PDB file of N, CA and C in Angstrom:
ATOM      1  N   MET A   1       4.079   5.275   1.106  1.00  0.00           N
ATOM      2  CA  MET A   1       5.091   6.275   0.889  1.00  0.00           C
ATOM      3  C   MET A   1       6.274   6.006   1.797  1.00  0.00           C
ATOM      4  N   LYS A   2       7.432   6.458   1.391  1.00  0.00           N
ATOM      5  CA  LYS A   2       8.620   6.287   2.209  1.00  0.00           C
ATOM      6  C   LYS A   2       8.500   7.222   3.407  1.00  0.00           C
ATOM      7  N   ALA A   3       8.459   6.645   4.605  1.00  0.00           N
ATOM      8  CA  ALA A   3       8.250   7.428   5.827  1.00  0.00           C
ATOM      9  C   ALA A   3       9.556   7.992   6.366  1.00  0.00           C
ATOM     10  N   ASN A   4      10.637   7.217   6.264  1.00  0.00           N
ATOM     11  CA  ASN A   4      11.949   7.649   6.716  1.00  0.00           C
ATOM     12  C   ASN A   4      12.985   6.800   5.989  1.00  0.00           C
ATOM     13  N   GLU A   5      14.211   6.813   6.441  1.00  0.00           N
ATOM     14  CA  GLU A   5      15.281   6.120   5.716  1.00  0.00           C
ATOM     15  C   GLU A   5      15.203   4.601   5.784  1.00  0.00           C
ATOM     16  N   SER A   6      14.317   4.048   6.630  1.00  0.00           N
ATOM     17  CA  SER A   6      14.260   2.592   6.754  1.00  0.00           C
ATOM     18  C   SER A   6      12.844   2.013   6.733  1.00  0.00           C
ATOM     19  N   GLN A   7      11.828   2.854   6.514  1.00  0.00           N
ATOM     20  CA  GLN A   7      10.459   2.358   6.573  1.00  0.00           C
ATOM     21  C   GLN A   7       9.583   2.928   5.455  1.00  0.00           C
ATOM     22  N   VAL A   8       8.626   2.100   5.051  1.00  0.00           N
ATOM     23  CA  VAL A   8       7.591   2.532   4.117  1.00  0.00           C
ATOM     24  C   VAL A   8       6.260   2.410   4.840  1.00  0.00           C
ATOM     25  N   TYR A   9       5.484   3.487   4.825  1.00  0.00           N
ATOM     26  CA  TYR A   9       4.156   3.496   5.452  1.00  0.00           C
ATOM     27  C   TYR A   9       3.113   3.265   4.368  1.00  0.00           C
ATOM     28  N   LEU A  10       2.243   2.277   4.597  1.00  0.00           N
ATOM     29  CA  LEU A  10       1.181   1.937   3.654  1.00  0.00           C
ATOM     30  C   LEU A  10      -0.170   2.177   4.310  1.00  0.00           C
ATOM     31  N   SER A  11      -1.089   2.685   3.539  1.00  0.00           N
ATOM     32  CA  SER A  11      -2.454   2.893   4.020  1.00  0.00           C
ATOM     33  C   SER A  11      -3.402   2.670   2.852  1.00  0.00           C
ATOM     34  N   TRP A  12      -4.560   2.097   3.134  1.00  0.00           N
ATOM     35  CA  TRP A  12      -5.547   1.837   2.092  1.00  0.00           C
ATOM     36  C   TRP A  12      -6.930   2.073   2.654  1.00  0.00           C
ATOM     37  N   ARG A  13      -7.917   2.142   1.778  1.00  0.00           N
ATOM     38  CA  ARG A  13      -9.295   2.440   2.181  1.00  0.00           C
ATOM     39  C   ARG A  13     -10.043   1.177   2.549  1.00  0.00           C
ATOM     40  N   TYR A  14     -10.822   1.288   3.586  1.00  0.00           N
ATOM     41  CA  TYR A  14     -11.785   0.254   3.961  1.00  0.00           C
ATOM     42  C   TYR A  14     -13.075   0.644   3.269  1.00  0.00           C
ATOM     43  N   LEU A  15     -13.567  -0.194   2.379  1.00  0.00           N
ATOM     44  CA  LEU A  15     -14.728   0.161   1.571  1.00  0.00           C
ATOM     45  C   LEU A  15     -16.030  -0.104   2.309  1.00  0.00           C
ATOM     46  N   VAL A  16     -17.042   0.660   1.984  1.00  0.00           N
ATOM     47  CA  VAL A  16     -18.335   0.550   2.650  1.00  0.00           C
ATOM     48  C   VAL A  16     -18.935  -0.843   2.462  1.00  0.00           C
ATOM     49  N   ASN A  17     -18.623  -1.500   1.357  1.00  0.00           N
ATOM     50  CA  ASN A  17     -19.176  -2.833   1.129  1.00  0.00           C
ATOM     51  C   ASN A  17     -18.284  -3.956   1.691  1.00  0.00           C
ATOM     52  N   ASP A  18     -17.169  -3.606   2.347  1.00  0.00           N
ATOM     53  CA  ASP A  18     -16.341  -4.615   3.012  1.00  0.00           C
ATOM     54  C   ASP A  18     -17.041  -5.099   4.271  1.00  0.00           C
ATOM     55  N   ASP A  19     -17.034  -6.388   4.461  1.00  0.00           N
ATOM     56  CA  ASP A  19     -17.600  -6.981   5.664  1.00  0.00           C
ATOM     57  C   ASP A  19     -16.758  -6.573   6.872  1.00  0.00           C
ATOM     58  N   GLU A  20     -17.374  -6.438   8.043  1.00  0.00           N
ATOM     59  CA  GLU A  20     -16.641  -6.040   9.252  1.00  0.00           C
ATOM     60  C   GLU A  20     -15.526  -7.020   9.598  1.00  0.00           C
ATOM     61  N   ALA A  21     -15.666  -8.266   9.185  1.00  0.00           N
ATOM     62  CA  ALA A  21     -14.668  -9.287   9.498  1.00  0.00           C
ATOM     63  C   ALA A  21     -13.583  -9.390   8.422  1.00  0.00           C
ATOM     64  N   THR A  22     -13.571  -8.456   7.467  1.00  0.00           N
ATOM     65  CA  THR A  22     -12.568  -8.489   6.409  1.00  0.00           C
ATOM     66  C   THR A  22     -11.190  -8.209   6.987  1.00  0.00           C
ATOM     67  N   GLY A  23     -10.245  -9.073   6.654  1.00  0.00           N
ATOM     68  CA  GLY A  23      -8.847  -8.854   7.010  1.00  0.00           C
ATOM     69  C   GLY A  23      -8.076  -8.505   5.747  1.00  0.00           C
ATOM     70  N   PHE A  24      -6.806  -8.202   5.899  1.00  0.00           N
ATOM     71  CA  PHE A  24      -5.995  -7.814   4.749  1.00  0.00           C
ATOM     72  C   PHE A  24      -4.610  -8.433   4.843  1.00  0.00           C
ATOM     73  N   ASN A  25      -4.098  -8.878   3.699  1.00  0.00           N
ATOM     74  CA  ASN A  25      -2.714  -9.312   3.578  1.00  0.00           C
ATOM     75  C   ASN A  25      -1.984  -8.305   2.711  1.00  0.00           C
ATOM     76  N   VAL A  26      -0.771  -7.939   3.123  1.00  0.00           N
ATOM     77  CA  VAL A  26       0.040  -6.939   2.429  1.00  0.00           C
ATOM     78  C   VAL A  26       1.194  -7.655   1.735  1.00  0.00           C
ATOM     79  N   TYR A  27       1.413  -7.307   0.474  1.00  0.00           N
ATOM     80  CA  TYR A  27       2.474  -7.922  -0.320  1.00  0.00           C
ATOM     81  C   TYR A  27       3.420  -6.855  -0.865  1.00  0.00           C
ATOM     82  N   ARG A  28       4.686  -7.258  -1.015  1.00  0.00           N
ATOM     83  CA  ARG A  28       5.695  -6.374  -1.613  1.00  0.00           C
ATOM     84  C   ARG A  28       6.416  -7.130  -2.721  1.00  0.00           C
ATOM     85  N   SER A  29       6.602  -6.466  -3.850  1.00  0.00           N
ATOM     86  CA  SER A  29       7.415  -6.979  -4.940  1.00  0.00           C
ATOM     87  C   SER A  29       8.627  -6.065  -5.042  1.00  0.00           C
ATOM     88  N   ALA A  30       9.813  -6.615  -4.788  1.00  0.00           N
ATOM     89  CA  ALA A  30      11.041  -5.821  -4.819  1.00  0.00           C
ATOM     90  C   ALA A  30      11.702  -5.928  -6.183  1.00  0.00           C
ATOM     91  N   ASP A  31      11.923  -4.791  -6.805  1.00  0.00           N
ATOM     92  CA  ASP A  31      12.655  -4.706  -8.066  1.00  0.00           C
ATOM     93  C   ASP A  31      12.062  -5.616  -9.138  1.00  0.00           C
ATOM     94  N   GLY A  32      10.722  -5.702  -9.195  1.00  0.00           N
ATOM     95  CA  GLY A  32      10.036  -6.484 -10.210  1.00  0.00           C
ATOM     96  C   GLY A  32       9.931  -7.968  -9.916  1.00  0.00           C
ATOM     97  N   GLY A  33      10.390  -8.393  -8.752  1.00  0.00           N
ATOM     98  CA  GLY A  33      10.330  -9.811  -8.388  1.00  0.00           C
ATOM     99  C   GLY A  33       8.931 -10.223  -7.974  1.00  0.00           C
ATOM    100  N   PRO A  34       8.786 -11.483  -7.554  1.00  0.00           N
ATOM    101  CA  PRO A  34       7.468 -11.964  -7.127  1.00  0.00           C
ATOM    102  C   PRO A  34       7.018 -11.285  -5.838  1.00  0.00           C
ATOM    103  N   GLY A  35       5.709 -11.187  -5.650  1.00  0.00           N
ATOM    104  CA  GLY A  35       5.155 -10.598  -4.435  1.00  0.00           C
ATOM    105  C   GLY A  35       5.402 -11.512  -3.235  1.00  0.00           C
ATOM    106  N   VAL A  36       5.775 -10.900  -2.116  1.00  0.00           N
ATOM    107  CA  VAL A  36       6.032 -11.628  -0.876  1.00  0.00           C
ATOM    108  C   VAL A  36       5.097 -11.073   0.200  1.00  0.00           C
ATOM    109  N   LYS A  37       4.367 -11.962   0.859  1.00  0.00           N
ATOM    110  CA  LYS A  37       3.458 -11.545   1.929  1.00  0.00           C
ATOM    111  C   LYS A  37       4.285 -11.025   3.110  1.00  0.00           C
ATOM    112  N   LEU A  38       3.896  -9.856   3.650  1.00  0.00           N
ATOM    113  CA  LEU A  38       4.671  -9.215   4.707  1.00  0.00           C
ATOM    114  C   LEU A  38       4.120  -9.439   6.108  1.00  0.00           C
ATOM    115  N   ASN A  39       2.833  -9.708   6.234  1.00  0.00           N
ATOM    116  CA  ASN A  39       2.224  -9.872   7.553  1.00  0.00           C
ATOM    117  C   ASN A  39       2.014 -11.349   7.848  1.00  0.00           C
ATOM    118  N   GLY A  40       1.788 -11.662   9.120  1.00  0.00           N
ATOM    119  CA  GLY A  40       1.454 -13.025   9.519  1.00  0.00           C
ATOM    120  C   GLY A  40      -0.010 -13.278   9.240  1.00  0.00           C
ATOM    121  N   PRO A  41      -0.826 -13.369  10.307  1.00  0.00           N
ATOM    122  CA  PRO A  41      -2.261 -13.510  10.079  1.00  0.00           C
ATOM    123  C   PRO A  41      -2.814 -12.245   9.425  1.00  0.00           C
ATOM    124  N   PRO A  42      -3.973 -12.349   8.752  1.00  0.00           N
ATOM    125  CA  PRO A  42      -4.557 -11.158   8.137  1.00  0.00           C
ATOM    126  C   PRO A  42      -4.716 -10.013   9.141  1.00  0.00           C
ATOM    127  N   LEU A  43      -4.483  -8.794   8.661  1.00  0.00           N
ATOM    128  CA  LEU A  43      -4.619  -7.600   9.498  1.00  0.00           C
ATOM    129  C   LEU A  43      -6.093  -7.303   9.686  1.00  0.00           C
ATOM    130  N   LEU A  44      -6.508  -7.162  10.930  1.00  0.00           N
ATOM    131  CA  LEU A  44      -7.900  -6.857  11.271  1.00  0.00           C
ATOM    132  C   LEU A  44      -7.950  -5.542  12.031  1.00  0.00           C
ATOM    133  N   GLY A  45      -8.997  -4.771  11.821  1.00  0.00           N
ATOM    134  CA  GLY A  45      -9.198  -3.541  12.587  1.00  0.00           C
ATOM    135  C   GLY A  45      -8.269  -2.411  12.204  1.00  0.00           C
ATOM    136  N   THR A  46      -7.541  -2.546  11.107  1.00  0.00           N
ATOM    137  CA  THR A  46      -6.660  -1.464  10.662  1.00  0.00           C
ATOM    138  C   THR A  46      -6.518  -1.522   9.149  1.00  0.00           C
ATOM    139  N   THR A  47      -6.245  -0.392   8.562  1.00  0.00           N
ATOM    140  CA  THR A  47      -5.986  -0.336   7.123  1.00  0.00           C
ATOM    141  C   THR A  47      -4.668   0.387   6.879  1.00  0.00           C
ATOM    142  N   ASP A  48      -3.673   0.049   7.685  1.00  0.00           N
ATOM    143  CA  ASP A  48      -2.336   0.570   7.457  1.00  0.00           C
ATOM    144  C   ASP A  48      -1.303  -0.446   7.923  1.00  0.00           C
ATOM    145  N   PHE A  49      -0.062  -0.249   7.475  1.00  0.00           N
ATOM    146  CA  PHE A  49       1.008  -1.189   7.749  1.00  0.00           C
ATOM    147  C   PHE A  49       2.327  -0.462   7.560  1.00  0.00           C
ATOM    148  N   VAL A  50       3.316  -0.764   8.397  1.00  0.00           N
ATOM    149  CA  VAL A  50       4.653  -0.197   8.249  1.00  0.00           C
ATOM    150  C   VAL A  50       5.597  -1.322   7.846  1.00  0.00           C
ATOM    151  N   ASP A  51       6.252  -1.145   6.708  1.00  0.00           N
ATOM    152  CA  ASP A  51       7.234  -2.117   6.223  1.00  0.00           C
ATOM    153  C   ASP A  51       8.614  -1.630   6.626  1.00  0.00           C
ATOM    154  N   SER A  52       9.227  -2.358   7.542  1.00  0.00           N
ATOM    155  CA  SER A  52      10.562  -2.003   8.027  1.00  0.00           C
ATOM    156  C   SER A  52      11.645  -2.899   7.439  1.00  0.00           C
ATOM    157  N   SER A  53      11.277  -3.774   6.509  1.00  0.00           N
ATOM    158  CA  SER A  53      12.256  -4.721   5.992  1.00  0.00           C
ATOM    159  C   SER A  53      12.568  -4.531   4.509  1.00  0.00           C
ATOM    160  N   ALA A  54      12.047  -3.490   3.895  1.00  0.00           N
ATOM    161  CA  ALA A  54      12.259  -3.271   2.462  1.00  0.00           C
ATOM    162  C   ALA A  54      13.672  -2.782   2.181  1.00  0.00           C
ATOM    163  N   ASN A  55      14.224  -3.212   1.057  1.00  0.00           N
ATOM    164  CA  ASN A  55      15.478  -2.659   0.550  1.00  0.00           C
ATOM    165  C   ASN A  55      15.097  -1.414  -0.239  1.00  0.00           C
ATOM    166  N   LEU A  56      15.312  -0.249   0.327  1.00  0.00           N
ATOM    167  CA  LEU A  56      14.856   0.992  -0.292  1.00  0.00           C
ATOM    168  C   LEU A  56      15.793   1.500  -1.381  1.00  0.00           C
ATOM    169  N   ALA A  57      16.864   0.737  -1.655  1.00  0.00           N
ATOM    170  CA  ALA A  57      17.753   1.073  -2.763  1.00  0.00           C
ATOM    171  C   ALA A  57      17.191   0.572  -4.093  1.00  0.00           C
ATOM    172  N   VAL A  58      16.148  -0.270  -4.048  1.00  0.00           N
ATOM    173  CA  VAL A  58      15.480  -0.754  -5.254  1.00  0.00           C
ATOM    174  C   VAL A  58      14.024  -0.323  -5.207  1.00  0.00           C
ATOM    175  N   SER A  59      13.350  -0.351  -6.366  1.00  0.00           N
ATOM    176  CA  SER A  59      11.927  -0.003  -6.369  1.00  0.00           C
ATOM    177  C   SER A  59      11.130  -1.126  -5.715  1.00  0.00           C
ATOM    178  N   ASN A  60      10.094  -0.750  -4.998  1.00  0.00           N
ATOM    179  CA  ASN A  60       9.224  -1.698  -4.309  1.00  0.00           C
ATOM    180  C   ASN A  60       7.783  -1.386  -4.662  1.00  0.00           C
ATOM    181  N   SER A  61       7.053  -2.415  -5.087  1.00  0.00           N
ATOM    182  CA  SER A  61       5.631  -2.268  -5.375  1.00  0.00           C
ATOM    183  C   SER A  61       4.852  -2.994  -4.292  1.00  0.00           C
ATOM    184  N   TYR A  62       3.767  -2.386  -3.845  1.00  0.00           N
ATOM    185  CA  TYR A  62       2.942  -2.956  -2.783  1.00  0.00           C
ATOM    186  C   TYR A  62       1.522  -3.150  -3.282  1.00  0.00           C
ATOM    187  N   TYR A  63       0.873  -4.199  -2.793  1.00  0.00           N
ATOM    188  CA  TYR A  63      -0.546  -4.391  -3.040  1.00  0.00           C
ATOM    189  C   TYR A  63      -1.152  -5.106  -1.840  1.00  0.00           C
ATOM    190  N   VAL A  64      -2.462  -5.013  -1.736  1.00  0.00           N
ATOM    191  CA  VAL A  64      -3.209  -5.573  -0.612  1.00  0.00           C
ATOM    192  C   VAL A  64      -4.218  -6.568  -1.164  1.00  0.00           C
ATOM    193  N   ARG A  65      -4.411  -7.663  -0.437  1.00  0.00           N
ATOM    194  CA  ARG A  65      -5.443  -8.647  -0.803  1.00  0.00           C
ATOM    195  C   ARG A  65      -6.381  -8.804   0.381  1.00  0.00           C
ATOM    196  N   PRO A  66      -7.681  -8.505   0.206  1.00  0.00           N
ATOM    197  CA  PRO A  66      -8.632  -8.715   1.288  1.00  0.00           C
ATOM    198  C   PRO A  66      -8.799 -10.203   1.572  1.00  0.00           C
ATOM    199  N   VAL A  67      -9.109 -10.517   2.823  1.00  0.00           N
ATOM    200  CA  VAL A  67      -9.346 -11.896   3.238  1.00  0.00           C
ATOM    201  C   VAL A  67     -10.720 -11.939   3.903  1.00  0.00           C
ATOM    202  N   VAL A  68     -11.624 -12.749   3.339  1.00  0.00           N
ATOM    203  CA  VAL A  68     -12.983 -12.881   3.855  1.00  0.00           C
ATOM    204  C   VAL A  68     -13.246 -14.354   4.126  1.00  0.00           C
ATOM    205  N   ASP A  69     -13.653 -14.664   5.340  1.00  0.00           N
ATOM    206  CA  ASP A  69     -13.930 -16.051   5.731  1.00  0.00           C
ATOM    207  C   ASP A  69     -12.753 -16.972   5.415  1.00  0.00           C
ATOM    208  N   GLY A  70     -11.535 -16.478   5.635  1.00  0.00           N
ATOM    209  CA  GLY A  70     -10.343 -17.281   5.425  1.00  0.00           C
ATOM    210  C   GLY A  70      -9.907 -17.417   3.977  1.00  0.00           C
ATOM    211  N   VAL A  71     -10.632 -16.761   3.057  1.00  0.00           N
ATOM    212  CA  VAL A  71     -10.309 -16.858   1.629  1.00  0.00           C
ATOM    213  C   VAL A  71      -9.702 -15.526   1.167  1.00  0.00           C
ATOM    214  N   GLU A  72      -8.515 -15.611   0.578  1.00  0.00           N
ATOM    215  CA  GLU A  72      -7.856 -14.422   0.059  1.00  0.00           C
ATOM    216  C   GLU A  72      -8.456 -14.061  -1.294  1.00  0.00           C
ATOM    217  N   LEU A  73      -8.887 -12.813  -1.429  1.00  0.00           N
ATOM    218  CA  LEU A  73      -9.536 -12.340  -2.654  1.00  0.00           C
ATOM    219  C   LEU A  73      -8.531 -11.663  -3.578  1.00  0.00           C
ATOM    220  N   ALA A  74      -9.016 -11.120  -4.663  1.00  0.00           N
ATOM    221  CA  ALA A  74      -8.167 -10.497  -5.691  1.00  0.00           C
ATOM    222  C   ALA A  74      -7.351  -9.344  -5.121  1.00  0.00           C
ATOM    223  N   ALA A  75      -6.201  -9.154  -5.712  1.00  0.00           N
ATOM    224  CA  ALA A  75      -5.282  -8.093  -5.281  1.00  0.00           C
ATOM    225  C   ALA A  75      -5.772  -6.719  -5.724  1.00  0.00           C
ATOM    226  N   SER A  76      -5.440  -5.724  -4.921  1.00  0.00           N
ATOM    227  CA  SER A  76      -5.696  -4.333  -5.285  1.00  0.00           C
ATOM    228  C   SER A  76      -4.725  -3.927  -6.389  1.00  0.00           C
ATOM    229  N   ASP A  77      -4.904  -2.738  -6.913  1.00  0.00           N
ATOM    230  CA  ASP A  77      -3.877  -2.168  -7.780  1.00  0.00           C
ATOM    231  C   ASP A  77      -2.618  -2.009  -6.937  1.00  0.00           C
ATOM    232  N   SER A  78      -1.476  -1.979  -7.582  1.00  0.00           N
ATOM    233  CA  SER A  78      -0.229  -1.830  -6.832  1.00  0.00           C
ATOM    234  C   SER A  78       0.202  -0.370  -6.807  1.00  0.00           C
ATOM    235  N   PHE A  79       1.063  -0.077  -5.852  1.00  0.00           N
ATOM    236  CA  PHE A  79       1.633   1.258  -5.708  1.00  0.00           C
ATOM    237  C   PHE A  79       3.130   1.107  -5.582  1.00  0.00           C
ATOM    238  N   GLU A  80       3.880   1.878  -6.346  1.00  0.00           N
ATOM    239  CA  GLU A  80       5.337   1.744  -6.354  1.00  0.00           C
ATOM    240  C   GLU A  80       6.010   2.853  -5.560  1.00  0.00           C
ATOM    241  N   VAL A  81       6.995   2.450  -4.782  1.00  0.00           N
ATOM    242  CA  VAL A  81       7.898   3.387  -4.126  1.00  0.00           C
ATOM    243  C   VAL A  81       9.213   3.271  -4.887  1.00  0.00           C
ATOM    244  N   ALA A  82       9.606   4.332  -5.565  1.00  0.00           N
ATOM    245  CA  ALA A  82      10.793   4.304  -6.417  1.00  0.00           C
ATOM    246  C   ALA A  82      12.056   4.108  -5.587  1.00  0.00           C
ATOM    247  N   ALA A  83      13.062   3.527  -6.214  1.00  0.00           N
ATOM    248  CA  ALA A  83      14.362   3.360  -5.567  1.00  0.00           C
ATOM    249  C   ALA A  83      14.891   4.724  -5.144  1.00  0.00           C
ATOM    250  N   GLY A  84      15.338   4.832  -3.910  1.00  0.00           N
ATOM    251  CA  GLY A  84      15.902   6.080  -3.417  1.00  0.00           C
ATOM    252  C   GLY A  84      14.906   7.212  -3.270  1.00  0.00           C
ATOM    253  N   ALA A  85      13.614   6.900  -3.195  1.00  0.00           N
ATOM    254  CA  ALA A  85      12.582   7.943  -3.072  1.00  0.00           C
ATOM    255  C   ALA A  85      12.822   8.794  -1.831  1.00  0.00           C
ATOM    256  N   GLU A  86      12.443  10.028  -1.923  1.00  0.00           N
ATOM    257  CA  GLU A  86      12.553  10.961  -0.810  1.00  0.00           C
ATOM    258  C   GLU A  86      11.488  10.634   0.240  1.00  0.00           C
ATOM    259  N   ALA A  87      11.886  10.664   1.507  1.00  0.00           N
ATOM    260  CA  ALA A  87      10.925  10.456   2.596  1.00  0.00           C
ATOM    261  C   ALA A  87      10.071  11.707   2.750  1.00  0.00           C
ATOM    262  N   LYS A  88       8.754  11.501   2.861  1.00  0.00           N
ATOM    263  CA  LYS A  88       7.820  12.621   3.025  1.00  0.00           C
ATOM    264  C   LYS A  88       6.768  12.238   4.063  1.00  0.00           C
ATOM    265  N   PRO A  89       6.269  13.209   4.793  1.00  0.00           N
ATOM    266  CA  PRO A  89       5.205  12.917   5.752  1.00  0.00           C
ATOM    267  C   PRO A  89       3.816  12.955   5.118  1.00  0.00           C
ATOM    268  N   TYR A  90       3.755  13.022   3.771  1.00  0.00           N
ATOM    269  CA  TYR A  90       2.475  13.117   3.074  1.00  0.00           C
ATOM    270  C   TYR A  90       2.653  12.596   1.655  1.00  0.00           C
ATOM    271  N   LEU A  91       1.554  12.367   0.981  1.00  0.00           N
ATOM    272  CA  LEU A  91       1.558  11.996  -0.432  1.00  0.00           C
ATOM    273  C   LEU A  91       0.896  13.123  -1.196  1.00  0.00           C
ATOM    274  N   GLY A  92       1.628  13.768  -2.073  1.00  0.00           N
ATOM    275  CA  GLY A  92       1.084  14.863  -2.861  1.00  0.00           C
ATOM    276  C   GLY A  92       0.278  14.331  -4.034  1.00  0.00           C
ATOM    277  N   VAL A  93      -0.902  14.869  -4.237  1.00  0.00           N
ATOM    278  CA  VAL A  93      -1.771  14.460  -5.334  1.00  0.00           C
ATOM    279  C   VAL A  93      -1.949  15.656  -6.250  1.00  0.00           C
ATOM    280  N   PRO A  94      -1.466  15.562  -7.502  1.00  0.00           N
ATOM    281  CA  PRO A  94      -1.619  16.698  -8.409  1.00  0.00           C
ATOM    282  C   PRO A  94      -3.088  16.899  -8.768  1.00  0.00           C
ATOM    283  N   LEU A  95      -3.517  18.134  -8.778  1.00  0.00           N
ATOM    284  CA  LEU A  95      -4.892  18.469  -9.125  1.00  0.00           C
ATOM    285  C   LEU A  95      -4.925  19.066 -10.516  1.00  0.00           C
ATOM    286  N   GLN A  96      -6.017  18.821 -11.210  1.00  0.00           N
ATOM    287  CA  GLN A  96      -6.189  19.394 -12.539  1.00  0.00           C
ATOM    288  C   GLN A  96      -7.238  20.485 -12.458  1.00  0.00           C
ATOM    289  N   VAL A  97      -6.887  21.648 -12.992  1.00  0.00           N
ATOM    290  CA  VAL A  97      -7.821  22.772 -13.035  1.00  0.00           C
ATOM    291  C   VAL A  97      -8.642  22.611 -14.304  1.00  0.00           C
ATOM    292  N   PRO A  98      -9.980  22.689 -14.200  1.00  0.00           N
ATOM    293  CA  PRO A  98     -10.801  22.555 -15.409  1.00  0.00           C
ATOM    294  C   PRO A  98     -10.494  23.656 -16.417  1.00  0.00           C
ATOM    295  N   GLU A  99     -10.690  23.315 -17.674  1.00  0.00           N
ATOM    296  CA  GLU A  99     -10.462  24.299 -18.733  1.00  0.00           C
ATOM    297  C   GLU A  99     -11.337  25.528 -18.457  1.00  0.00           C
ATOM    298  N   GLY A 100     -10.748  26.687 -18.543  1.00  0.00           N
ATOM    299  CA  GLY A 100     -11.475  27.908 -18.271  1.00  0.00           C
ATOM    300  C   GLY A 100     -11.335  28.373 -16.824  1.00  0.00           C
ATOM    301  N   GLY A 101     -10.556  27.645 -16.027  1.00  0.00           N
ATOM    302  CA  GLY A 101     -10.311  28.053 -14.635  1.00  0.00           C
ATOM    303  C   GLY A 101     -11.193  27.340 -13.639  1.00  0.00           C
ATOM    304  N   VAL A 102     -11.094  27.793 -12.398  1.00  0.00           N
ATOM    305  CA  VAL A 102     -11.830  27.186 -11.300  1.00  0.00           C
ATOM    306  C   VAL A 102     -13.268  27.675 -11.319  1.00  0.00           C
ATOM    307  N   THR A 103     -14.195  26.750 -11.111  1.00  0.00           N
ATOM    308  CA  THR A 103     -15.612  27.143 -11.086  1.00  0.00           C
ATOM    309  C   THR A 103     -16.165  27.029  -9.704  1.00  0.00           C
TER     310      THR A 103
END
């Protein structure tokens, strides 16, 4: 999500079946272009990243690729930050009320 006027904060889940030595590479695709790796060595011991180099006037899509034993695995689903998105300290998730109301 857009954290402020110059940064995007990214966070993802560490899965129970991920090995303790799993690292992560973070990629950004600006305005539909090719994905560009944002970090140096794989990120270890954390599942978040702050992108301070994005052009926030265009849409940016982000995805993460786990790295196990030096091998980069398949990419996660991507998440888009729209051009000119409003900065928020949270990500709102719409909830659906079951038919007939709350049970």
